[in-house]
C-alpha atoms as a PDB file:
ATOM      1  CA  UNK A   1      10.625 -12.738 -11.745  1.00  0.00           C
ATOM      2  CA  UNK A   2       8.376 -11.298  -9.008  1.00  0.00           C
ATOM      3  CA  UNK A   3       5.173  -9.948 -10.215  1.00  0.00           C
ATOM      4  CA  UNK A   4       3.160  -7.499  -7.902  1.00  0.00           C
ATOM      5  CA  UNK A   5      -0.555  -7.056  -7.746  1.00  0.00           C
ATOM      6  CA  UNK A   6      -2.147  -4.912  -5.680  1.00  0.00           C
ATOM      7  CA  UNK A   7      -6.365  -5.058  -5.223  1.00  0.00           C
ATOM      8  CA  UNK A   8      -9.178  -3.533  -2.923  1.00  0.00           C
ATOM      9  CA  UNK A   9      -9.169  -0.088  -3.833  1.00  0.00           C
ATOM     10  CA  UNK A  10     -12.686   1.456  -4.827  1.00  0.00           C
ATOM     11  CA  UNK A  11     -14.929   4.812  -3.824  1.00  0.00           C
ATOM     12  CA  UNK A  12     -15.684   5.296  -0.549  1.00  0.00           C
ATOM     13  CA  UNK A  13     -17.068   8.372   1.622  1.00  0.00           C
ATOM     14  CA  UNK A  14     -14.943  10.583   3.611  1.00  0.00           C
ATOM     15  CA  UNK A  15     -14.019   8.623   6.845  1.00  0.00           C
ATOM     16  CA  UNK A  16     -14.379   5.190   5.105  1.00  0.00           C
ATOM     17  CA  UNK A  17     -12.258   2.471   5.234  1.00  0.00           C
ATOM     18  CA  UNK A  18     -10.754   0.347   2.501  1.00  0.00           C
ATOM     19  CA  UNK A  19      -8.407  -2.638   3.210  1.00  0.00           C
ATOM     20  CA  UNK A  20      -5.527  -3.210   0.095  1.00  0.00           C
ATOM     21  CA  UNK A  21      -4.036  -6.123  -0.548  1.00  0.00           C
ATOM     22  CA  UNK A  22      -0.399  -7.215  -2.479  1.00  0.00           C
ATOM     23  CA  UNK A  23       0.157 -10.255  -3.919  1.00  0.00           C
ATOM     24  CA  UNK A  24       3.431 -11.591  -5.145  1.00  0.00           C
ATOM     25  CA  UNK A  25       3.961 -14.269  -6.966  1.00  0.00           C
ATOM     26  CA  UNK A  26       7.198 -14.972  -6.044  1.00  0.00           C
ATOM     27  CA  UNK A  27       8.760 -14.861  -2.379  1.00  0.00           C
ATOM     28  CA  UNK A  28       9.867 -11.344  -1.207  1.00  0.00           C
ATOM     29  CA  UNK A  29       7.699  -9.946   1.157  1.00  0.00           C
ATOM     30  CA  UNK A  30       8.803 -11.984   3.912  1.00  0.00           C
ATOM     31  CA  UNK A  31      12.739 -11.279   2.858  1.00  0.00           C
ATOM     32  CA  UNK A  32      12.644  -7.659   1.821  1.00  0.00           C
ATOM     33  CA  UNK A  33      11.136  -4.589   3.448  1.00  0.00           C
ATOM     34  CA  UNK A  34       7.763  -3.583   1.586  1.00  0.00           C
ATOM     35  CA  UNK A  35       5.915  -0.483   1.629  1.00  0.00           C
ATOM     36  CA  UNK A  36       2.579   1.039  -0.141  1.00  0.00           C
ATOM     37  CA  UNK A  37       3.341   3.888  -2.412  1.00  0.00           C
ATOM     38  CA  UNK A  38       0.775   5.874  -3.938  1.00  0.00           C
ATOM     39  CA  UNK A  39       0.493   8.840  -6.433  1.00  0.00           C
ATOM     40  CA  UNK A  40      -2.268  11.001  -6.770  1.00  0.00           C
ATOM     41  CA  UNK A  41      -3.240  13.236 -10.205  1.00  0.00           C
ATOM     42  CA  UNK A  42      -0.180  15.584 -10.964  1.00  0.00           C
ATOM     43  CA  UNK A  43       2.185  14.311  -8.078  1.00  0.00           C
ATOM     44  CA  UNK A  44       5.082  12.419  -7.503  1.00  0.00           C
ATOM     45  CA  UNK A  45       4.614   8.995  -6.195  1.00  0.00           C
ATOM     46  CA  UNK A  46       5.385   8.540  -3.056  1.00  0.00           C
ATOM     47  CA  UNK A  47       5.971   6.460   0.217  1.00  0.00           C
ATOM     48  CA  UNK A  48       3.243   6.022   2.531  1.00  0.00           C
ATOM     49  CA  UNK A  49       3.548   3.013   4.710  1.00  0.00           C
ATOM     50  CA  UNK A  50       6.881   0.244   5.458  1.00  0.00           C
ATOM     51  CA  UNK A  51       7.446  -2.886   6.962  1.00  0.00           C
ATOM     52  CA  UNK A  52      10.736  -4.286   7.954  1.00  0.00           C
ATOM     53  CA  UNK A  53      11.783  -7.729   8.027  1.00  0.00           C
ATOM     54  CA  UNK A  54      12.009  -7.905  11.615  1.00  0.00           C
ATOM     55  CA  UNK A  55       7.923  -5.648  11.545  1.00  0.00           C
ATOM     56  CA  UNK A  56       9.613  -2.727  12.150  1.00  0.00           C
ATOM     57  CA  UNK A  57       6.502  -0.118  10.992  1.00  0.00           C
ATOM     58  CA  UNK A  58       6.916   3.114   9.376  1.00  0.00           C
ATOM     59  CA  UNK A  59       4.175   5.639   7.996  1.00  0.00           C
ATOM     60  CA  UNK A  60       4.283   8.864   6.843  1.00  0.00           C
ATOM     61  CA  UNK A  61       2.880  11.706   8.691  1.00  0.00           C
ATOM     62  CA  UNK A  62      -0.100  12.064   6.637  1.00  0.00           C
ATOM     63  CA  UNK A  63      -1.600   8.807   7.573  1.00  0.00           C
ATOM     64  CA  UNK A  64       0.234   7.813  10.813  1.00  0.00           C
ATOM     65  CA  UNK A  65      -2.472   6.832  13.056  1.00  0.00           C
ATOM     66  CA  UNK A  66      -5.107   6.169   9.999  1.00  0.00           C
ATOM     67  CA  UNK A  67      -3.323   3.320   7.866  1.00  0.00           C
ATOM     68  CA  UNK A  68      -2.012   0.056   9.443  1.00  0.00           C
ATOM     69  CA  UNK A  69       0.720  -2.289   6.738  1.00  0.00           C
ATOM     70  CA  UNK A  70       1.142  -5.404   7.434  1.00  0.00           C
ATOM     71  CA  UNK A  71       1.384  -8.964   5.650  1.00  0.00           C
ATOM     72  CA  UNK A  72       1.246 -12.736   5.832  1.00  0.00           C
ATOM     73  CA  UNK A  73       4.460 -14.787   5.206  1.00  0.00           C
ATOM     74  CA  UNK A  74       2.399 -17.881   4.615  1.00  0.00           C
ATOM     75  CA  UNK A  75       0.394 -16.282   1.709  1.00  0.00           C
ATOM     76  CA  UNK A  76       3.347 -14.012   0.174  1.00  0.00           C
ATOM     77  CA  UNK A  77       1.099 -11.294   0.764  1.00  0.00           C
ATOM     78  CA  UNK A  78       0.889  -7.363   2.044  1.00  0.00           C
ATOM     79  CA  UNK A  79      -1.983  -5.434   3.550  1.00  0.00           C
ATOM     80  CA  UNK A  80      -2.825  -1.972   3.814  1.00  0.00           C
ATOM     81  CA  UNK A  81      -5.810  -0.959   6.357  1.00  0.00           C
ATOM     82  CA  UNK A  82      -6.518   2.104   5.416  1.00  0.00           C
ATOM     83  CA  UNK A  83      -9.734   4.139   7.603  1.00  0.00           C
ATOM     84  CA  UNK A  84     -10.688   7.328   8.639  1.00  0.00           C
ATOM     85  CA  UNK A  85      -9.961   8.141   5.285  1.00  0.00           C
ATOM     86  CA  UNK A  86      -9.650  11.718   3.762  1.00  0.00           C
ATOM     87  CA  UNK A  87      -9.653  13.008  -0.026  1.00  0.00           C
ATOM     88  CA  UNK A  88      -5.869  13.968  -0.028  1.00  0.00           C
ATOM     89  CA  UNK A  89      -5.618   9.787   0.395  1.00  0.00           C
ATOM     90  CA  UNK A  90      -7.008   9.894  -3.119  1.00  0.00           C
ATOM     91  CA  UNK A  91      -4.855   7.859  -5.462  1.00  0.00           C
ATOM     92  CA  UNK A  92      -3.862   5.295  -7.312  1.00  0.00           C
ATOM     93  CA  UNK A  93      -1.913   2.505  -4.879  1.00  0.00           C
ATOM     94  CA  UNK A  94       1.335   0.303  -5.567  1.00  0.00           C
ATOM     95  CA  UNK A  95       2.892  -1.963  -3.326  1.00  0.00           C
ATOM     96  CA  UNK A  96       6.830  -2.969  -3.861  1.00  0.00           C
ATOM     97  CA  UNK A  97      10.222  -3.478  -2.018  1.00  0.00           C
ATOM     98  CA  UNK A  98      11.434  -0.580  -0.405  1.00  0.00           C
ATOM     99  CA  UNK A  99      13.278   0.801  -2.451  1.00  0.00           C
ATOM    100  CA  UNK A 100      11.210  -0.322  -5.365  1.00  0.00           C
ATOM    101  CA  UNK A 101      12.836  -2.544  -6.991  1.00  0.00           C
ATOM    102  CA  UNK A 102      10.139  -4.953  -8.375  1.00  0.00           C
ATOM    103  CA  UNK A 103       8.529  -4.124 -11.698  1.00  0.00           C
ATOM    104  CA  UNK A 104       5.968  -1.868 -11.115  1.00  0.00           C
ATOM    105  CA  UNK A 105       2.222  -3.361 -10.739  1.00  0.00           C
ATOM    106  CA  UNK A 106      -1.407  -1.968 -12.064  1.00  0.00           C
ATOM    107  CA  UNK A 107      -2.009  -0.250  -8.705  1.00  0.00           C
ATOM    108  CA  UNK A 108      -5.252   0.112  -7.778  1.00  0.00           C
ATOM    109  CA  UNK A 109      -7.141   2.925  -7.553  1.00  0.00           C
ATOM    110  CA  UNK A 110      -8.222   4.993  -4.395  1.00  0.00           C
ATOM    111  CA  UNK A 111     -11.411   7.321  -4.727  1.00  0.00           C
ATOM    112  CA  UNK A 112     -12.256   9.156  -1.320  1.00  0.00           C
ATOM    113  CA  UNK A 113     -15.221  11.755  -2.227  1.00  0.00           C
ATOM    114  CA  UNK A 114     -18.308  13.076  -0.711  1.00  0.00           C
END
């Protein structure tokens, strides 16, 4: 079974940047649409960015122009570059197929605060 491990989160000031990584134990990144999801306290988990098998990119409006999703098929790994971070980006970030078909990993906490 595919397992997903997110990493790279941390505490940053508003306007700062982070790069998140998603390592998959099985071949999935190159053969499925993949996405980054986030869940803020008291909120539902939401998809914020996705990348299709063909490389098409989609972002939710609130992160357009600030976040960039990418993948390395050889490493079966996906990334999320986050720039110009805002306090409202604070959440636990998860990766998965879109829709989410793999058991959710532990996520990685991103906290944006001054």
